[in-house]
Amino acid sequence: MHPLTRTARLTGAFYLGLAITGALSFLLIRPQVFITGESSAVLEALSGNLPLARLGLLLELGVVVTQVLAALWFFALFRSVNSFAAGTLTTFGLMNAVAILGSAAALSTATTIADAGLPDAAQQVTLLITLSEGFWAVGTVFFGAWLIPMGILVLRSGFAWRWIGWVLLVGGAGYLANIVLITLAPETTAIADLLVIPATIGEFAILLSLLIRGVPARALEAQKRTSK
């Protein structure tokens, strides 16, 4: 196997890990145990599901680890194509990982307080979960932004079908527009959700392309000619 294809498949594997840990932690467990709302209900949801909360915390840390690995391996994959764009992609990915690490710290503290039954636990837990939500909101800025250099690199490299590069570009712009729309007009959730559909399509397309195809032989030959 060509080293660049091996790098591509490792990148795809780390991206798949990011997708799995993110879906399980944010979409499955968080709505059950790390809820927002009235303080007493927030504390009851967490203190009544502490084992599930700890699993959710581990998965959130898994998001951090897989995001970091995916970001670093994307740089290894694309640095020979354009080092600035590859560095930008990696920086945005690492910034997202830092934001999710902040969320994990907030959830860890909230879980400890709920388990200890400290005074004013309901208010403290509610504040910490709200802070965690804020970290995720900030992180999505960088998670959306990293799709833009990713799309550019796909188009320049030929490592995946060109349509994937264009969908990634549209998806990154849609992600950022989604964040702006939700911030300025929170009631437009349905419209905002439509804006992230291209991003989801693009992410799964590049993930599967890297895992299954690796780097096409034609792109490898082009890279070899460029490096001479």
Foldseek 3Di string as FASTA:
>chain_A
DDPLLVLLQQLLVLLVQLVVLCCCLPVNLCVQQLNADDLVVNLCSPLVPVVSLVVSLVSLLSNLVSLLSNLVSQQVNQCLQPNVLSVLLSVLSNLLSVLSVQLSVLSVVLSVLSNVVDPVSSVSNNVSSVSSVVSNLVSLLSVLQSLQSVLVSCCRQVQADNVLSVLSNQLSVLSNVLSVCCVVPVVPNVVSVVSNVSNVVSSVRSSCSSNPVRGDPVSVVVSVVVVD
